[in-house]
Amino acid sequence: MTVATNKIPIWTIVVPFVALGIELTMHGRPGMLSAIALIAGLISAVLAAVHHAEVVALRVGEPFGAILLALAVTIIELGLIVSIMLGDHAEPTLMRDTIHATVVLVLHGIAGLCIVVGAIRHREQEFRTQGAQSYLIVLLPMVAITLILPNFTTSIPGPYYTNAQLGFVSVICLALWFAFTFVQTVRNREYFLPTQEKHSHPVELPSAKITIVSVVLLLVSLVGVVLLAKGVSPIIQSIVNGLNAPPALVGVIVAAIVLLPECMTAIRAALDDQLQTSINLALGSGVASIGLTIPAVSFVAWLTDHPLTLGVNSGGAVLLTLSFMMALVTYGTGRASLLSGIVHLILLATWIFLIVIP
């Protein structure tokens, strides 16, 4: 990760507080200028939050760093989903669409880009198959019980769960996330460590003082993101409605905003010949997104009596099946080639195309 370790960039100090100022002064005001300011403030706060998460992650090392980044991204995602869910124009399908988009973007988008840029610079890159497949072992049942199984339960017509079913699924997702985190950090930590300790740009670990300051600024940034999300969510919905695009595009935009900074970090790692770190970041976001977002949003939905549509349509289920088949092939060899990266990106393009033109 190419982050500052001996000093804190000024912009990462200023942006979190500017974001809070934008929220206080612009929220609720109509007009294009207000919309641009809120969107710019949100994206800037997300970038600042991920930067400070990277600093702290560098201090704690792998695989704890990837877990910390995934948690930061999940908090940002929760802020956006809940703000739209509780807004004036609630989207009952938003959590499904966002989770679906997150899974596809991490399996094909981030992973595909990392494999391609890494292959262009280093030809073939190595990674640990045990670690990569461990992510898939957890992701596969998570996706099945949250996005596919609701279409086949009979207590109420799909694609919904009853409150009891939703509570049970939330516990299962949490249990899978905790089990995976234990394996990643304690039982089989070596599965997730880089295959080689080689850096194109040697990085010195941040000092304790800088780490503490980054922790504080990370918290401020996340607060700014969550508050700004409430103002930005209706803007995203208005843009999608103005384009006469399917509502599922809202979930794609939310997932893309959340994953953009982490995508940049993963690509930098791939360029530095650390594909294992890229895989940890990409697939770790998917595991944390489902394992933590489903229980949290389900709890909010239960408190506020908001319905949640979970099951994807048959076309989405087919593409999810194809996605995991391709992922199992890609992560089963321990080496990533340019061809596999291109195929992942083509599958991503296919999925986006079918959202816009179903």
Protein backbone atom coordinates (compact mmCIF):
# COMPACT_ATOMS: atom_id res chain seq x y z
CA MET A 1 0.00 0.00 0.00
CA THR A 2 1.50 3.31 -1.00
CA VAL A 3 0.25 5.40 1.91
CA ALA A 4 2.08 8.06 3.86
CA THR A 5 3.75 6.53 6.91
CA ASN A 6 5.87 9.35 8.30
CA LYS A 7 3.32 12.15 7.97
CA ILE A 8 -0.38 12.68 7.48
CA PRO A 9 -1.35 14.36 4.18
CA ILE A 10 -3.08 17.68 4.79
CA TRP A 11 -6.06 16.79 2.62
CA THR A 12 -6.88 13.76 4.76
CA ILE A 13 -7.00 16.03 7.82
CA VAL A 14 -9.10 18.76 6.23
CA VAL A 15 -11.56 16.64 4.23
CA PRO A 16 -13.37 14.92 7.16
CA PHE A 17 -14.18 18.26 8.79
CA VAL A 18 -15.08 19.91 5.47
CA ALA A 19 -17.43 16.98 4.81
CA LEU A 20 -19.15 17.60 8.13
CA GLY A 21 -19.41 21.31 7.26
CA ILE A 22 -20.99 20.49 3.89
CA GLU A 23 -23.53 18.27 5.63
CA LEU A 24 -24.47 21.04 8.07
CA THR A 25 -24.76 23.78 5.45
CA MET A 26 -26.02 22.00 2.33
CA HIS A 27 -28.26 19.18 3.54
CA GLY A 28 -31.87 19.73 2.51
CA ARG A 29 -31.11 22.62 0.18
CA PRO A 30 -32.42 22.22 -3.37
CA GLY A 31 -30.37 22.96 -6.44
CA MET A 32 -27.54 21.61 -8.54
CA LEU A 33 -24.81 23.32 -6.50
CA SER A 34 -25.99 21.67 -3.30
CA ALA A 35 -26.17 18.25 -5.01
CA ILE A 36 -22.65 18.59 -6.40
CA ALA A 37 -21.30 19.70 -3.02
CA LEU A 38 -22.94 16.77 -1.20
CA ILE A 39 -21.71 14.19 -3.72
CA ALA A 40 -18.19 15.66 -3.74
CA GLY A 41 -18.18 15.73 0.06
CA LEU A 42 -19.31 12.10 0.27
CA ILE A 43 -16.71 10.80 -2.19
CA SER A 44 -13.97 12.86 -0.53
CA ALA A 45 -14.95 11.58 2.92
CA VAL A 46 -14.95 7.99 1.62
CA LEU A 47 -11.44 8.48 0.18
CA ALA A 48 -10.21 10.02 3.44
CA ALA A 49 -11.77 7.22 5.50
CA VAL A 50 -10.13 4.52 3.42
CA HIS A 51 -6.78 6.34 3.48
CA HIS A 52 -6.76 6.41 7.28
CA ALA A 53 -7.95 2.80 7.36
CA GLU A 54 -4.98 1.93 5.14
CA VAL A 55 -2.57 3.62 7.53
CA VAL A 56 -3.95 1.71 10.50
CA ALA A 57 -4.07 -1.48 8.42
CA LEU A 58 -0.41 -1.08 7.51
CA ARG A 59 0.44 -0.77 11.19
CA VAL A 60 -1.43 -3.92 12.23
CA GLY A 61 -0.28 -5.93 9.19
CA GLU A 62 -1.91 -8.68 7.16
CA PRO A 63 -4.44 -10.18 7.37
CA PHE A 64 -5.75 -7.80 10.05
CA GLY A 65 -5.29 -4.86 7.70
CA ALA A 66 -7.62 -6.33 5.10
CA ILE A 67 -10.22 -7.02 7.81
CA LEU A 68 -10.03 -3.41 9.04
CA LEU A 69 -10.47 -2.06 5.51
CA ALA A 70 -13.42 -4.39 4.94
CA LEU A 71 -15.06 -3.20 8.17
CA ALA A 72 -14.60 0.45 7.18
CA VAL A 73 -16.15 -0.22 3.78
CA THR A 74 -19.05 -2.09 5.40
CA ILE A 75 -19.83 0.85 7.70
CA ILE A 76 -19.89 3.16 4.67
CA GLU A 77 -22.16 0.74 2.82
CA LEU A 78 -24.52 0.51 5.80
CA GLY A 79 -24.78 4.28 5.97
CA LEU A 80 -25.82 4.52 2.33
CA ILE A 81 -28.28 1.60 2.44
CA VAL A 82 -30.02 2.66 5.65
CA SER A 83 -30.26 6.31 4.56
CA ILE A 84 -32.05 5.30 1.35
CA MET A 85 -34.16 2.66 3.09
CA LEU A 86 -35.44 5.21 5.61
CA GLY A 87 -35.80 8.02 3.07
CA ASP A 88 -38.91 9.47 1.47
CA HIS A 89 -38.69 7.01 -1.44
CA ALA A 90 -37.80 3.72 0.19
CA GLU A 91 -36.31 1.00 -2.00
CA PRO A 92 -37.25 -2.46 -0.64
CA THR A 93 -34.89 -4.08 -3.14
CA LEU A 94 -31.90 -1.86 -2.30
CA MET A 95 -30.13 -4.23 0.09
CA ARG A 96 -30.53 -7.11 -2.37
CA ASP A 97 -29.29 -4.99 -5.28
CA THR A 98 -26.35 -3.60 -3.31
CA ILE A 99 -25.26 -6.99 -1.96
CA HIS A 100 -25.66 -8.50 -5.42
CA ALA A 101 -23.62 -5.65 -6.93
CA THR A 102 -20.94 -5.97 -4.26
CA VAL A 103 -20.52 -9.69 -4.89
CA VAL A 104 -20.24 -9.25 -8.66
CA LEU A 105 -17.95 -6.23 -8.37
CA VAL A 106 -15.52 -7.99 -6.03
CA LEU A 107 -15.58 -11.30 -7.92
CA HIS A 108 -15.26 -9.81 -11.40
CA GLY A 109 -14.59 -6.07 -11.19
CA ILE A 110 -11.86 -5.62 -8.58
CA ALA A 111 -10.41 -9.10 -8.98
CA GLY A 112 -10.51 -8.87 -12.77
CA LEU A 113 -8.81 -5.46 -12.85
CA CYS A 114 -6.14 -6.58 -10.39
CA ILE A 115 -5.39 -9.73 -12.38
CA VAL A 116 -5.20 -7.79 -15.66
CA VAL A 117 -2.95 -4.96 -14.43
CA GLY A 118 -0.79 -7.43 -12.51
CA ALA A 119 -0.45 -9.69 -15.55
CA ILE A 120 0.49 -6.77 -17.79
CA ARG A 121 3.30 -5.75 -15.43
CA HIS A 122 4.38 -9.13 -14.00
CA ARG A 123 2.93 -11.67 -16.50
CA GLU A 124 1.62 -14.33 -14.07
CA GLN A 125 1.24 -13.65 -10.35
CA GLU A 126 1.08 -16.11 -7.49
CA PHE A 127 -1.32 -16.30 -4.56
CA ARG A 128 -2.25 -18.84 -1.90
CA THR A 129 -5.06 -21.10 -3.08
CA GLN A 130 -6.00 -21.99 0.53
CA GLY A 131 -6.71 -18.35 1.34
CA ALA A 132 -8.53 -17.50 -1.89
CA GLN A 133 -10.70 -20.61 -1.70
CA SER A 134 -11.49 -19.95 1.96
CA TYR A 135 -13.21 -16.74 0.90
CA LEU A 136 -15.26 -18.63 -1.67
CA ILE A 137 -16.17 -21.36 0.85
CA VAL A 138 -17.84 -18.68 2.98
CA LEU A 139 -19.15 -16.43 0.20
CA LEU A 140 -20.96 -19.22 -1.64
CA PRO A 141 -23.37 -20.22 1.17
CA MET A 142 -23.81 -16.56 2.16
CA VAL A 143 -24.91 -15.66 -1.37
CA ALA A 144 -27.10 -18.76 -1.68
CA ILE A 145 -29.09 -18.16 1.51
CA THR A 146 -29.47 -14.40 1.06
CA LEU A 147 -29.97 -13.94 -2.68
CA ILE A 148 -31.29 -17.25 -4.03
CA LEU A 149 -33.02 -19.25 -1.28
CA PRO A 150 -35.73 -16.58 -0.59
CA ASN A 151 -37.21 -17.44 -3.99
CA PHE A 152 -37.92 -21.00 -2.84
CA THR A 153 -39.19 -20.72 0.75
CA THR A 154 -42.92 -21.30 1.24
CA SER A 155 -43.89 -19.56 4.49
CA ILE A 156 -44.63 -16.43 2.46
CA PRO A 157 -44.39 -15.91 -1.31
CA GLY A 158 -40.86 -15.10 -2.49
CA PRO A 159 -38.63 -13.26 -2.82
CA TYR A 160 -39.15 -12.48 0.87
CA TYR A 161 -38.26 -14.02 4.22
CA THR A 162 -40.52 -13.98 7.25
CA ASN A 163 -39.16 -12.14 10.29
CA ALA A 164 -38.19 -15.47 11.85
CA GLN A 165 -36.42 -16.59 8.70
CA LEU A 166 -34.68 -13.24 8.33
CA GLY A 167 -33.50 -13.42 11.93
CA PHE A 168 -32.15 -16.93 11.43
CA VAL A 169 -30.37 -15.96 8.19
CA SER A 170 -28.84 -12.93 9.95
CA VAL A 171 -27.44 -15.18 12.69
CA ILE A 172 -26.07 -17.59 10.06
CA CYS A 173 -24.34 -14.75 8.19
CA LEU A 174 -22.80 -13.46 11.42
CA ALA A 175 -21.69 -16.95 12.41
CA LEU A 176 -20.04 -17.50 9.03
CA TRP A 177 -18.27 -14.12 9.25
CA PHE A 178 -16.99 -14.80 12.79
CA ALA A 179 -15.86 -18.32 11.85
CA PHE A 180 -14.03 -16.99 8.80
CA THR A 181 -12.42 -14.16 10.78
CA PHE A 182 -11.17 -16.66 13.38
CA VAL A 183 -9.62 -18.81 10.67
CA GLN A 184 -8.13 -15.77 8.94
CA THR A 185 -6.57 -14.23 12.02
CA VAL A 186 -5.82 -17.17 14.32
CA ARG A 187 -6.23 -20.73 13.07
CA ASN A 188 -4.82 -20.49 9.54
CA ARG A 189 -3.43 -16.98 9.30
CA GLU A 190 -0.65 -18.17 6.98
CA TYR A 191 -3.23 -18.87 4.24
CA PHE A 192 -3.78 -15.14 3.79
CA LEU A 193 -0.23 -13.81 3.96
CA PRO A 194 1.51 -12.63 0.76
CA THR A 195 3.40 -15.38 -1.05
CA GLN A 196 6.48 -13.16 -1.16
CA GLU A 197 7.68 -10.21 0.88
CA LYS A 198 8.65 -8.12 -2.12
CA HIS A 199 7.78 -4.46 -2.57
CA SER A 200 8.57 -2.20 -5.47
CA HIS A 201 8.43 0.69 -3.00
CA PRO A 202 9.56 -0.34 0.48
CA VAL A 203 7.22 1.13 3.07
CA GLU A 204 8.09 2.02 6.65
CA LEU A 205 5.44 1.22 9.23
CA PRO A 206 3.59 4.29 10.55
CA SER A 207 4.50 5.42 14.04
CA ALA A 208 2.18 4.92 17.01
CA LYS A 209 1.39 8.66 17.03
CA ILE A 210 0.39 8.73 13.36
CA THR A 211 -1.65 5.56 13.82
CA ILE A 212 -3.62 7.08 16.72
CA VAL A 213 -4.30 10.27 14.76
CA SER A 214 -5.42 8.19 11.78
CA VAL A 215 -7.81 6.23 14.01
CA VAL A 216 -9.41 9.48 15.20
CA LEU A 217 -9.63 10.91 11.66
CA LEU A 218 -11.03 7.59 10.42
CA LEU A 219 -13.88 7.83 12.92
CA VAL A 220 -14.57 11.47 11.94
CA SER A 221 -14.54 10.50 8.26
CA LEU A 222 -16.97 7.64 8.82
CA VAL A 223 -19.34 9.93 10.72
CA GLY A 224 -19.18 12.37 7.81
CA VAL A 225 -19.89 9.59 5.32
CA VAL A 226 -22.90 8.30 7.23
CA LEU A 227 -24.37 11.81 7.61
CA LEU A 228 -23.72 12.81 4.01
CA ALA A 229 -25.23 9.56 2.77
CA LYS A 230 -28.65 10.76 3.92
CA GLY A 231 -28.37 13.83 1.70
CA VAL A 232 -26.85 12.04 -1.27
CA SER A 233 -29.26 9.07 -1.36
CA PRO A 234 -32.24 10.99 -2.83
CA ILE A 235 -29.88 12.52 -5.41
CA ILE A 236 -28.78 9.06 -6.55
CA GLN A 237 -32.42 7.97 -6.80
CA SER A 238 -33.33 11.10 -8.78
CA ILE A 239 -30.48 10.53 -11.24
CA VAL A 240 -31.53 6.92 -11.84
CA ASN A 241 -35.19 7.88 -12.22
CA GLY A 242 -34.24 10.72 -14.56
CA LEU A 243 -32.43 8.27 -16.80
CA ASN A 244 -35.45 5.92 -16.74
CA ALA A 245 -33.02 3.23 -15.62
CA PRO A 246 -34.03 0.16 -13.58
CA PRO A 247 -34.04 0.67 -9.78
CA ALA A 248 -31.32 -1.99 -9.48
CA LEU A 249 -28.90 0.61 -10.83
CA VAL A 250 -29.16 2.45 -7.49
CA GLY A 251 -27.62 -0.57 -5.76
CA VAL A 252 -24.85 -0.71 -8.35
CA ILE A 253 -24.01 2.97 -7.80
CA VAL A 254 -24.00 2.53 -4.02
CA ALA A 255 -21.70 -0.50 -4.25
CA ALA A 256 -19.41 1.28 -6.73
CA ILE A 257 -19.03 4.35 -4.49
CA VAL A 258 -18.27 2.17 -1.50
CA LEU A 259 -15.77 -0.07 -3.28
CA LEU A 260 -13.96 2.57 -5.38
CA PRO A 261 -11.25 3.45 -2.83
CA GLU A 262 -10.64 -0.17 -1.91
CA CYS A 263 -10.42 -0.99 -5.61
CA MET A 264 -7.64 1.59 -5.94
CA THR A 265 -5.78 0.03 -3.01
CA ALA A 266 -6.15 -3.47 -4.44
CA ILE A 267 -4.87 -2.36 -7.85
CA ARG A 268 -1.81 -0.74 -6.25
CA ALA A 269 -1.09 -4.01 -4.47
CA ALA A 270 -1.38 -5.95 -7.73
CA LEU A 271 1.01 -3.55 -9.44
CA ASP A 272 3.41 -4.15 -6.55
CA ASP A 273 3.24 -7.90 -7.26
CA GLN A 274 1.14 -8.58 -4.15
CA LEU A 275 -1.91 -10.25 -5.67
CA GLN A 276 -2.67 -12.05 -2.40
CA THR A 277 -3.26 -8.68 -0.74
CA SER A 278 -5.53 -7.68 -3.66
CA ILE A 279 -7.54 -10.88 -3.22
CA ASN A 280 -7.78 -10.32 0.54
CA LEU A 281 -9.14 -6.82 -0.04
CA ALA A 282 -11.58 -7.75 -2.81
CA LEU A 283 -13.07 -10.97 -1.48
CA GLY A 284 -12.82 -9.79 2.13
CA SER A 285 -15.14 -6.91 1.25
CA GLY A 286 -17.67 -9.38 -0.10
CA VAL A 287 -17.56 -11.53 3.03
CA ALA A 288 -17.86 -8.55 5.38
CA SER A 289 -20.53 -6.92 3.23
CA ILE A 290 -22.90 -9.89 3.52
CA GLY A 291 -21.86 -11.11 6.95
CA LEU A 292 -22.35 -7.73 8.63
CA THR A 293 -24.71 -5.76 6.37
CA ILE A 294 -27.48 -8.38 6.26
CA PRO A 295 -27.87 -8.57 10.08
CA ALA A 296 -27.60 -4.79 10.56
CA VAL A 297 -30.04 -3.82 7.81
CA SER A 298 -32.41 -6.64 8.78
CA PHE A 299 -32.49 -5.30 12.34
CA VAL A 300 -33.26 -1.78 11.10
CA ALA A 301 -35.97 -3.15 8.80
CA TRP A 302 -37.52 -5.07 11.71
CA LEU A 303 -37.49 -1.97 13.94
CA THR A 304 -39.04 0.26 11.27
CA ASP A 305 -41.30 -2.40 9.71
CA HIS A 306 -39.76 -1.98 6.27
CA PRO A 307 -40.09 -4.90 3.84
CA LEU A 308 -36.90 -6.36 2.37
CA THR A 309 -36.88 -8.00 -1.04
CA LEU A 310 -33.96 -10.43 -1.12
CA GLY A 311 -34.23 -13.05 -3.87
CA VAL A 312 -32.71 -12.24 -7.25
CA ASN A 313 -34.46 -13.15 -10.50
CA SER A 314 -33.64 -16.28 -12.47
CA GLY A 315 -31.21 -14.47 -14.75
CA GLY A 316 -29.34 -13.08 -11.76
CA ALA A 317 -29.17 -16.54 -10.21
CA VAL A 318 -27.69 -17.99 -13.41
CA LEU A 319 -25.03 -15.27 -13.57
CA LEU A 320 -24.20 -15.74 -9.88
CA THR A 321 -23.73 -19.46 -10.50
CA LEU A 322 -21.47 -18.70 -13.46
CA SER A 323 -19.57 -16.16 -11.36
CA PHE A 324 -18.70 -18.70 -8.68
CA MET A 325 -17.82 -21.36 -11.23
CA MET A 326 -15.37 -18.94 -12.85
CA ALA A 327 -14.02 -17.86 -9.46
CA LEU A 328 -13.40 -21.47 -8.42
CA VAL A 329 -11.43 -22.03 -11.63
CA THR A 330 -9.45 -18.80 -11.24
CA TYR A 331 -8.56 -19.32 -7.57
CA GLY A 332 -7.91 -23.04 -7.83
CA THR A 333 -4.50 -22.83 -9.50
CA GLY A 334 -2.48 -20.44 -7.36
CA ARG A 335 -1.50 -18.43 -10.45
CA ALA A 336 -3.50 -15.75 -12.25
CA SER A 337 -3.14 -15.13 -15.98
CA LEU A 338 -4.19 -12.29 -18.26
CA LEU A 339 -6.87 -14.47 -19.86
CA SER A 340 -8.68 -15.17 -16.57
CA GLY A 341 -8.68 -11.47 -15.73
CA ILE A 342 -10.18 -10.57 -19.12
CA VAL A 343 -12.91 -13.21 -18.71
CA HIS A 344 -13.82 -11.78 -15.30
CA LEU A 345 -14.16 -8.28 -16.77
CA ILE A 346 -16.30 -9.60 -19.65
CA LEU A 347 -18.65 -11.26 -17.15
CA LEU A 348 -18.86 -7.94 -15.27
CA ALA A 349 -19.74 -6.11 -18.49
CA THR A 350 -22.40 -8.74 -19.27
CA TRP A 351 -24.00 -8.30 -15.85
CA ILE A 352 -24.10 -4.49 -16.12
CA PHE A 353 -25.49 -4.64 -19.66
CA LEU A 354 -28.34 -6.93 -18.56
CA ILE A 355 -29.19 -4.57 -15.70
CA VAL A 356 -29.57 -1.61 -18.04
CA ILE A 357 -31.19 -3.67 -20.84
CA PRO A 358 -32.79 -6.69 -19.09
